Amino acid sequence: MKFSFFHLMPYPYLPDDFDTAYDSASLTYPNRNFDPEQGVQLYQRYLDELEYADVLGFDGIAVNEHHQSTYGLMPSPNLMAASLARRTSRARIMVLGNAIGIRGNPLRVAEEIAMLDLMSGGRVDSGFVRGIGWEYFGHSINPTKSRARFNEAHDLIIKAWTSDEMFSWYGDNYEYRYVNLWPRPVQRPHPPVYIPGSGSTETMQFCAEHRYAYMSVYAPTKIVRRWFDGYRSAAADLGYTPDPEKIAFSVPIYVADTDQRAHEEAKPAVEWLYNKGLKQPRQLVQPPGYVSPGSLRGMLASGLRGFAAPYEDIIANGQAVVGSPASVAERLGELHEQLGGFGQIIGLFCIGTATHAQVMHSSELFAGEVMPALRSLGVSAAPAP
């Protein structure tokens, strides 16, 4: 099993009347509520937490991209990855990922990831995401073109990384007379690719076709099992079984010295994440045309309607793992079995309103006591293809 420390870099300082005065924490939430002085402190704190995860022995430290949102203060994850490349030495630097579906110039993503790969000595993992519905609104891009833009941007980036000669690109969404990538990434043929999925059949098939790592987003266990099974089924249709390392389970994790203390401290933080940070009207998440009719039917059939839920339900549904080191190790082992196996745990340790001291202590306990207990899980019985 591999373990990664994932960070959203949230802005947790919401007003007391947030629940009644605002219908979303993203896109329409007024930026007058952002305090730049607090932002300065948050960025320093969050980078310290990611760097400490490298010291603790996490296999990966992960950042991602979100726009116009309190949920995550990383409109440019590559900037954070650049800082981490020089201030860490061991862990994989995982950009999970660049939202290439909303980029007007995806060739810039190819260039920046290549630079990061060189700066880090070949430690970069490159995630590609389509972006959330509100981010298409925020960039004035028709969400019905999301999939086509993502696929074409992906193909362009991969060709730019792997071609050793100049070429031209004339697609439906992007045109380049000259593509001649300088510098090229050090990892060959290119940095490992991760694709987060939230139930789209096309994403499962895309990952299976390219043999990419498929990563879950936060959802109840029974729904994540449907996603993982969909990916495994798509791989089986292509005649292979994916290595466990290609299946990544992402989940908020909070560890304290005792179960009681863990739940007391985690409850406000987890409730902030699911009921405030992820608060948004449905039309901002999945506008018409963002997913195909077939994928939409599957999502509706799965029962996933939104993120808001009581703390007790979130814990019971496997949408967060909280407890002492022994309890967290036991619960993750149960989820490993219930989900049909996976080879990576991508844990969100800085959850909502959790303090810096809480995040650091939780990370220490996880690295020191939980990781050794679970390391042997998720190992392939056969050589990887």
Protein backbone atom coordinates (compact mmCIF):
# COMPACT_ATOMS: atom_id res chain seq x y z
CA MET A 1 0.00 0.00 0.00
CA LYS A 2 1.17 3.51 -0.82
CA PHE A 3 0.13 6.53 1.22
CA SER A 4 -0.18 10.13 0.11
CA PHE A 5 -0.82 13.33 2.04
CA PHE A 6 -3.41 15.30 0.06
CA HIS A 7 -4.11 18.99 0.61
CA LEU A 8 -7.00 21.15 -0.57
CA MET A 9 -5.73 24.35 1.11
CA PRO A 10 -9.20 25.47 2.28
CA TYR A 11 -10.19 28.92 3.51
CA PRO A 12 -11.96 28.00 6.77
CA TYR A 13 -12.91 31.48 7.99
CA LEU A 14 -16.58 31.71 7.04
CA PRO A 15 -18.97 34.24 8.62
CA ASP A 16 -21.42 33.21 11.32
CA ASP A 17 -24.37 33.71 8.97
CA PHE A 18 -22.87 31.63 6.15
CA ASP A 19 -25.46 28.83 6.39
CA THR A 20 -28.41 31.20 5.95
CA ALA A 21 -26.95 34.06 3.93
CA TYR A 22 -25.11 32.17 1.18
CA ASP A 23 -26.15 29.26 -1.02
CA SER A 24 -22.63 28.34 -2.11
CA ALA A 25 -19.01 28.44 -0.98
CA SER A 26 -17.88 28.62 -4.61
CA LEU A 27 -18.27 30.89 -7.64
CA THR A 28 -20.87 33.27 -6.18
CA TYR A 29 -19.50 33.60 -2.63
CA PRO A 30 -18.25 37.24 -2.44
CA ASN A 31 -14.47 37.62 -2.29
CA ARG A 32 -14.86 40.51 0.16
CA ASN A 33 -14.93 37.70 2.72
CA PHE A 34 -11.32 36.79 1.90
CA ASP A 35 -8.73 38.34 4.21
CA PRO A 36 -5.35 38.53 2.43
CA GLU A 37 -3.48 38.67 5.74
CA GLN A 38 -5.03 35.38 6.77
CA GLY A 39 -4.26 34.04 3.30
CA VAL A 40 -0.56 34.79 3.80
CA GLN A 41 -0.54 32.75 6.99
CA LEU A 42 -2.55 29.90 5.46
CA TYR A 43 -0.19 29.38 2.54
CA GLN A 44 2.84 29.27 4.84
CA ARG A 45 1.06 26.86 7.16
CA TYR A 46 -0.17 24.58 4.39
CA LEU A 47 3.24 24.31 2.73
CA ASP A 48 4.73 23.44 6.14
CA GLU A 49 2.21 20.60 6.48
CA LEU A 50 3.00 19.19 3.05
CA GLU A 51 6.74 19.41 3.64
CA TYR A 52 6.37 17.68 7.01
CA ALA A 53 4.57 14.80 5.31
CA ASP A 54 7.72 14.26 3.24
CA VAL A 55 9.77 14.12 6.45
CA LEU A 56 7.31 11.66 8.02
CA GLY A 57 7.72 9.20 5.15
CA PHE A 58 4.53 9.59 3.14
CA ASP A 59 4.99 8.19 -0.36
CA GLY A 60 3.34 11.21 -1.98
CA ILE A 61 2.36 14.79 -1.23
CA ALA A 62 -0.58 15.91 -3.33
CA VAL A 63 -2.08 19.22 -4.47
CA ASN A 64 -4.91 20.05 -6.86
CA GLU A 65 -6.70 22.82 -8.75
CA HIS A 66 -9.86 24.73 -7.87
CA HIS A 67 -11.10 28.18 -8.80
CA GLN A 68 -13.18 30.86 -7.10
CA SER A 69 -13.84 28.77 -4.01
CA THR A 70 -13.28 28.59 -0.26
CA TYR A 71 -13.05 24.81 -0.71
CA GLY A 72 -9.53 25.05 -2.12
CA LEU A 73 -7.14 27.99 -2.52
CA MET A 74 -5.08 26.52 -5.37
CA PRO A 75 -6.09 27.97 -8.73
CA SER A 76 -2.53 27.04 -9.79
CA PRO A 77 -1.37 23.77 -8.20
CA ASN A 78 1.80 23.87 -10.27
CA LEU A 79 2.96 26.89 -8.26
CA MET A 80 2.63 24.88 -5.06
CA ALA A 81 4.34 21.89 -6.65
CA ALA A 82 7.24 24.13 -7.71
CA SER A 83 7.73 25.23 -4.12
CA LEU A 84 7.58 21.66 -2.89
CA ALA A 85 10.03 20.44 -5.53
CA ARG A 86 12.85 22.40 -3.90
CA ARG A 87 11.78 21.96 -0.29
CA THR A 88 11.25 18.18 -0.26
CA SER A 89 13.54 15.34 -1.21
CA ARG A 90 11.74 12.01 -1.12
CA ALA A 91 7.99 11.93 -1.65
CA ARG A 92 6.31 11.92 -5.03
CA ILE A 93 4.91 15.35 -5.87
CA MET A 94 1.39 14.60 -7.06
CA VAL A 95 -0.53 17.26 -8.98
CA LEU A 96 -4.08 15.83 -8.78
CA GLY A 97 -4.55 17.55 -10.98
CA ASN A 98 -4.48 20.22 -13.65
CA ALA A 99 -7.97 21.04 -14.93
CA ILE A 100 -7.09 20.76 -18.60
CA GLY A 101 -10.74 20.93 -19.70
CA ILE A 102 -10.91 24.62 -18.79
CA ARG A 103 -7.45 25.58 -20.00
CA GLY A 104 -7.20 27.77 -23.06
CA ASN A 105 -3.57 26.73 -23.54
CA PRO A 106 -2.99 23.09 -22.50
CA LEU A 107 0.49 23.16 -24.01
CA ARG A 108 1.44 25.34 -21.03
CA VAL A 109 0.49 22.42 -18.75
CA ALA A 110 2.86 20.13 -20.67
CA GLU A 111 5.64 22.68 -20.28
CA GLU A 112 5.08 23.29 -16.57
CA ILE A 113 4.84 19.60 -15.66
CA ALA A 114 8.04 18.95 -17.64
CA MET A 115 9.76 21.72 -15.68
CA LEU A 116 8.49 20.32 -12.39
CA ASP A 117 9.69 16.84 -13.30
CA LEU A 118 13.19 18.18 -13.92
CA MET A 119 13.19 20.39 -10.82
CA SER A 120 12.16 17.45 -8.61
CA GLY A 121 14.51 14.91 -10.17
CA GLY A 122 11.69 12.87 -11.70
CA ARG A 123 9.30 12.83 -8.71
CA VAL A 124 6.20 14.29 -10.37
CA ASP A 125 2.87 12.49 -10.88
CA SER A 126 0.57 14.36 -13.24
CA GLY A 127 -3.16 14.25 -12.63
CA PHE A 128 -5.66 15.49 -15.20
CA VAL A 129 -9.16 16.59 -14.20
CA ARG A 130 -12.03 18.03 -16.21
CA GLY A 131 -12.88 20.62 -13.58
CA ILE A 132 -16.16 21.07 -11.70
CA GLY A 133 -19.24 22.64 -13.24
CA TRP A 134 -18.82 25.98 -11.47
CA GLU A 135 -15.31 26.26 -12.94
CA TYR A 136 -16.73 26.10 -16.46
CA PHE A 137 -19.08 28.93 -15.56
CA GLY A 138 -16.17 30.83 -14.03
CA HIS A 139 -14.12 30.47 -17.22
CA SER A 140 -17.05 31.06 -19.61
CA ILE A 141 -16.62 27.66 -21.26
CA ASN A 142 -19.60 25.68 -22.50
CA PRO A 143 -19.82 22.61 -20.20
CA THR A 144 -21.17 20.48 -23.08
CA LYS A 145 -17.66 20.71 -24.57
CA SER A 146 -16.00 19.52 -21.37
CA ARG A 147 -15.27 15.95 -22.43
CA ALA A 148 -14.08 16.84 -25.94
CA ARG A 149 -11.79 19.59 -24.63
CA PHE A 150 -10.38 17.27 -21.95
CA ASN A 151 -9.69 14.44 -24.38
CA GLU A 152 -8.02 16.66 -26.94
CA ALA A 153 -5.95 18.51 -24.35
CA HIS A 154 -4.81 15.16 -22.94
CA ASP A 155 -3.78 13.84 -26.36
CA LEU A 156 -1.87 17.03 -27.12
CA ILE A 157 0.01 16.97 -23.80
CA ILE A 158 0.98 13.31 -24.11
CA LYS A 159 2.23 13.80 -27.67
CA ALA A 160 4.17 16.90 -26.63
CA TRP A 161 5.86 14.93 -23.84
CA THR A 162 6.74 11.92 -25.98
CA SER A 163 7.55 13.35 -29.41
CA ASP A 164 11.19 14.12 -30.15
CA GLU A 165 10.40 16.18 -33.23
CA MET A 166 8.41 19.31 -33.89
CA PHE A 167 4.80 18.75 -34.99
CA SER A 168 1.70 20.78 -35.76
CA TRP A 169 -1.66 20.36 -34.06
CA TYR A 170 -4.99 21.29 -35.62
CA GLY A 171 -7.89 20.00 -33.53
CA ASP A 172 -11.49 20.93 -32.88
CA ASN A 173 -10.56 22.94 -29.78
CA TYR A 174 -6.86 23.82 -30.02
CA GLU A 175 -4.49 24.83 -32.80
CA TYR A 176 -0.69 25.05 -32.70
CA ARG A 177 1.48 25.53 -35.75
CA TYR A 178 4.59 24.55 -33.80
CA VAL A 179 4.78 22.09 -30.92
CA ASN A 180 8.38 21.44 -29.93
CA LEU A 181 8.57 20.96 -26.16
CA TRP A 182 11.58 22.42 -24.41
CA PRO A 183 12.37 21.17 -21.81
CA ARG A 184 11.23 17.55 -21.92
CA PRO A 185 10.35 15.60 -18.73
CA VAL A 186 12.98 13.31 -17.25
CA GLN A 187 10.56 10.40 -16.68
CA ARG A 188 10.03 8.31 -19.78
CA PRO A 189 7.84 8.01 -21.66
CA HIS A 190 6.19 10.64 -19.42
CA PRO A 191 5.27 11.26 -15.76
CA PRO A 192 2.68 8.83 -14.33
CA VAL A 193 -0.91 9.98 -14.93
CA TYR A 194 -3.79 9.97 -12.44
CA ILE A 195 -7.44 10.63 -13.29
CA PRO A 196 -9.95 11.33 -10.48
CA GLY A 197 -13.41 9.93 -11.24
CA SER A 198 -16.86 10.57 -9.82
CA GLY A 199 -18.97 7.99 -11.62
CA SER A 200 -18.57 8.86 -15.28
CA THR A 201 -18.44 5.72 -17.41
CA GLU A 202 -16.31 7.53 -19.95
CA THR A 203 -13.67 8.32 -17.31
CA MET A 204 -13.49 4.68 -16.21
CA GLN A 205 -13.04 3.56 -19.81
CA PHE A 206 -10.50 6.30 -20.49
CA CYS A 207 -8.36 5.25 -17.52
CA ALA A 208 -8.58 1.57 -18.45
CA GLU A 209 -7.70 2.26 -22.09
CA HIS A 210 -4.59 4.24 -21.15
CA ARG A 211 -3.76 2.14 -18.08
CA TYR A 212 -3.83 5.22 -15.87
CA ALA A 213 -4.42 5.30 -12.14
CA TYR A 214 -8.10 5.80 -11.27
CA MET A 215 -8.70 7.87 -8.14
CA SER A 216 -11.98 8.17 -6.25
CA VAL A 217 -13.45 11.39 -4.90
CA TYR A 218 -15.39 11.65 -1.64
CA ALA A 219 -18.52 9.47 -1.68
CA PRO A 220 -20.20 6.70 0.37
CA THR A 221 -18.51 3.32 0.28
CA LYS A 222 -21.18 1.60 -1.80
CA ILE A 223 -20.84 4.28 -4.49
CA VAL A 224 -17.04 4.18 -4.53
CA ARG A 225 -17.33 0.38 -4.93
CA ARG A 226 -19.44 0.94 -8.07
CA TRP A 227 -16.76 3.24 -9.45
CA PHE A 228 -13.88 0.87 -8.72
CA ASP A 229 -15.82 -2.06 -10.15
CA GLY A 230 -16.57 -0.01 -13.25
CA TYR A 231 -12.88 0.66 -13.75
CA ARG A 232 -11.98 -2.99 -13.15
CA SER A 233 -14.71 -4.05 -15.58
CA ALA A 234 -13.45 -1.66 -18.24
CA ALA A 235 -9.95 -3.09 -17.82
CA ALA A 236 -11.30 -6.65 -18.03
CA ASP A 237 -13.02 -5.77 -21.31
CA LEU A 238 -9.56 -4.84 -22.60
CA GLY A 239 -8.10 -8.15 -21.43
CA TYR A 240 -6.16 -7.24 -18.30
CA THR A 241 -6.43 -6.82 -14.55
CA PRO A 242 -5.26 -3.44 -13.25
CA ASP A 243 -2.46 -3.44 -10.72
CA PRO A 244 -3.78 -2.48 -7.25
CA GLU A 245 -1.54 0.59 -7.34
CA LYS A 246 -3.67 1.88 -10.23
CA ILE A 247 -6.69 2.13 -7.90
CA ALA A 248 -6.44 5.02 -5.43
CA PHE A 249 -8.90 5.54 -2.58
CA SER A 250 -9.21 9.16 -1.49
CA VAL A 251 -10.74 9.91 1.92
CA PRO A 252 -10.50 12.47 4.76
CA ILE A 253 -8.57 10.98 7.70
CA TYR A 254 -8.23 12.22 11.27
CA VAL A 255 -6.17 10.42 13.93
CA ALA A 256 -5.86 11.29 17.63
CA ASP A 257 -4.59 9.47 20.70
CA THR A 258 -8.03 8.07 21.57
CA ASP A 259 -11.26 7.46 19.70
CA GLN A 260 -13.14 9.91 21.91
CA ARG A 261 -10.67 12.72 21.36
CA ALA A 262 -10.50 12.03 17.64
CA HIS A 263 -14.25 12.32 17.18
CA GLU A 264 -14.51 15.40 19.38
CA GLU A 265 -11.85 17.20 17.35
CA ALA A 266 -12.80 15.87 13.92
CA LYS A 267 -16.53 16.49 14.03
CA PRO A 268 -16.50 20.28 13.43
CA ALA A 269 -13.80 19.92 10.79
CA VAL A 270 -15.58 17.14 8.87
CA GLU A 271 -18.91 18.94 9.09
CA TRP A 272 -17.26 22.09 7.72
CA LEU A 273 -15.92 20.15 4.73
CA TYR A 274 -19.16 18.43 3.75
CA ASN A 275 -21.73 21.01 4.83
CA LYS A 276 -19.93 24.29 4.18
CA GLY A 277 -16.86 23.87 1.96
CA LEU A 278 -18.78 21.65 -0.45
CA LYS A 279 -22.00 23.65 -0.24
CA GLN A 280 -23.23 24.47 -3.74
CA PRO A 281 -26.46 24.23 -5.74
CA ARG A 282 -26.70 21.19 -7.99
CA GLN A 283 -26.69 23.32 -11.14
CA LEU A 284 -23.23 24.65 -10.25
CA VAL A 285 -21.82 21.13 -9.88
CA GLN A 286 -23.26 19.36 -12.91
CA PRO A 287 -24.73 21.79 -15.42
CA PRO A 288 -26.67 20.30 -18.36
CA GLY A 289 -24.35 18.58 -20.81
CA TYR A 290 -21.43 18.23 -18.40
CA VAL A 291 -21.86 14.43 -18.33
CA SER A 292 -23.28 12.08 -20.92
CA PRO A 293 -26.87 10.80 -20.54
CA GLY A 294 -25.61 7.30 -19.82
CA SER A 295 -23.24 8.45 -17.08
CA LEU A 296 -25.94 10.68 -15.62
CA ARG A 297 -28.33 7.73 -15.39
CA GLY A 298 -25.65 5.75 -13.58
CA MET A 299 -24.99 8.56 -11.13
CA LEU A 300 -28.69 8.94 -10.37
CA ALA A 301 -29.06 5.19 -9.93
CA SER A 302 -26.17 5.16 -7.44
CA GLY A 303 -28.15 7.41 -5.09
CA LEU A 304 -25.52 10.16 -4.79
CA ARG A 305 -27.45 13.43 -4.46
CA GLY A 306 -25.10 15.80 -2.67
CA PHE A 307 -22.44 16.11 0.00
CA ALA A 308 -24.29 17.58 2.98
CA ALA A 309 -24.90 15.04 5.76
CA PRO A 310 -24.73 14.67 9.55
CA TYR A 311 -21.34 13.72 10.98
CA GLU A 312 -22.55 10.31 12.12
CA ASP A 313 -23.73 9.43 8.60
CA ILE A 314 -20.48 10.62 7.04
CA ILE A 315 -18.50 8.33 9.33
CA ALA A 316 -20.85 5.36 8.89
CA ASN A 317 -20.78 5.72 5.09
CA GLY A 318 -16.99 5.68 4.91
CA GLN A 319 -16.75 9.30 3.72
CA ALA A 320 -14.25 10.04 6.49
CA VAL A 321 -12.13 7.82 8.72
CA VAL A 322 -11.67 9.03 12.30
CA GLY A 323 -10.27 7.46 15.46
CA SER A 324 -7.21 6.26 17.33
CA PRO A 325 -4.37 4.73 15.28
CA ALA A 326 -5.69 1.23 15.91
CA SER A 327 -9.26 2.18 14.99
CA VAL A 328 -8.20 4.00 11.82
CA ALA A 329 -6.04 1.08 10.71
CA GLU A 330 -8.91 -1.32 11.34
CA ARG A 331 -11.44 0.86 9.48
CA LEU A 332 -9.18 1.34 6.46
CA GLY A 333 -8.63 -2.41 6.37
CA GLU A 334 -12.42 -2.91 6.34
CA LEU A 335 -12.80 -0.39 3.52
CA HIS A 336 -10.05 -2.12 1.57
CA GLU A 337 -12.09 -5.31 1.68
CA GLN A 338 -15.45 -3.63 1.04
CA LEU A 339 -14.11 -1.78 -2.00
CA GLY A 340 -12.63 -4.88 -3.58
CA GLY A 341 -9.08 -3.76 -2.95
CA PHE A 342 -6.95 -0.76 -3.82
CA GLY A 343 -3.24 -0.01 -3.74
CA GLN A 344 -3.12 3.62 -2.69
CA ILE A 345 -4.66 5.68 0.09
CA ILE A 346 -4.75 9.39 -0.67
CA GLY A 347 -5.67 10.92 2.66
CA LEU A 348 -6.98 14.42 3.29
CA PHE A 349 -5.43 15.27 6.67
CA CYS A 350 -6.06 19.01 6.75
CA ILE A 351 -9.85 18.92 7.01
CA GLY A 352 -11.80 22.18 7.07
CA THR A 353 -11.33 23.95 10.39
CA ALA A 354 -8.71 21.55 11.81
CA THR A 355 -5.85 23.48 13.40
CA HIS A 356 -2.23 23.26 12.35
CA ALA A 357 -1.33 21.43 15.57
CA GLN A 358 -4.14 18.93 15.02
CA VAL A 359 -3.09 18.25 11.42
CA MET A 360 0.54 17.74 12.39
CA HIS A 361 -0.29 15.37 15.27
CA SER A 362 -2.78 13.42 13.17
CA SER A 363 -0.17 13.04 10.42
CA GLU A 364 2.46 11.87 12.90
CA LEU A 365 0.18 9.21 14.36
CA PHE A 366 -0.87 8.01 10.92
CA ALA A 367 2.69 7.79 9.61
CA GLY A 368 4.07 6.22 12.76
CA GLU A 369 1.37 3.68 13.58
CA VAL A 370 -1.20 3.32 10.79
CA MET A 371 1.03 3.15 7.73
CA PRO A 372 3.18 0.27 9.06
CA ALA A 373 0.04 -1.69 9.94
CA LEU A 374 -1.40 -1.37 6.42
CA ARG A 375 1.72 -1.36 4.26
CA SER A 376 1.32 -5.00 3.20
CA LEU A 377 -2.20 -4.41 1.80
CA GLY A 378 -2.74 -3.70 -1.89
CA VAL A 379 0.20 -5.69 -3.16
CA SER A 380 -0.30 -7.37 -6.50
CA ALA A 381 -0.07 -11.15 -6.52
CA ALA A 382 1.20 -11.06 -10.10
CA PRO A 383 3.70 -8.83 -11.90
CA ALA A 384 2.29 -5.58 -13.26
CA PRO A 385 1.67 -5.54 -17.03
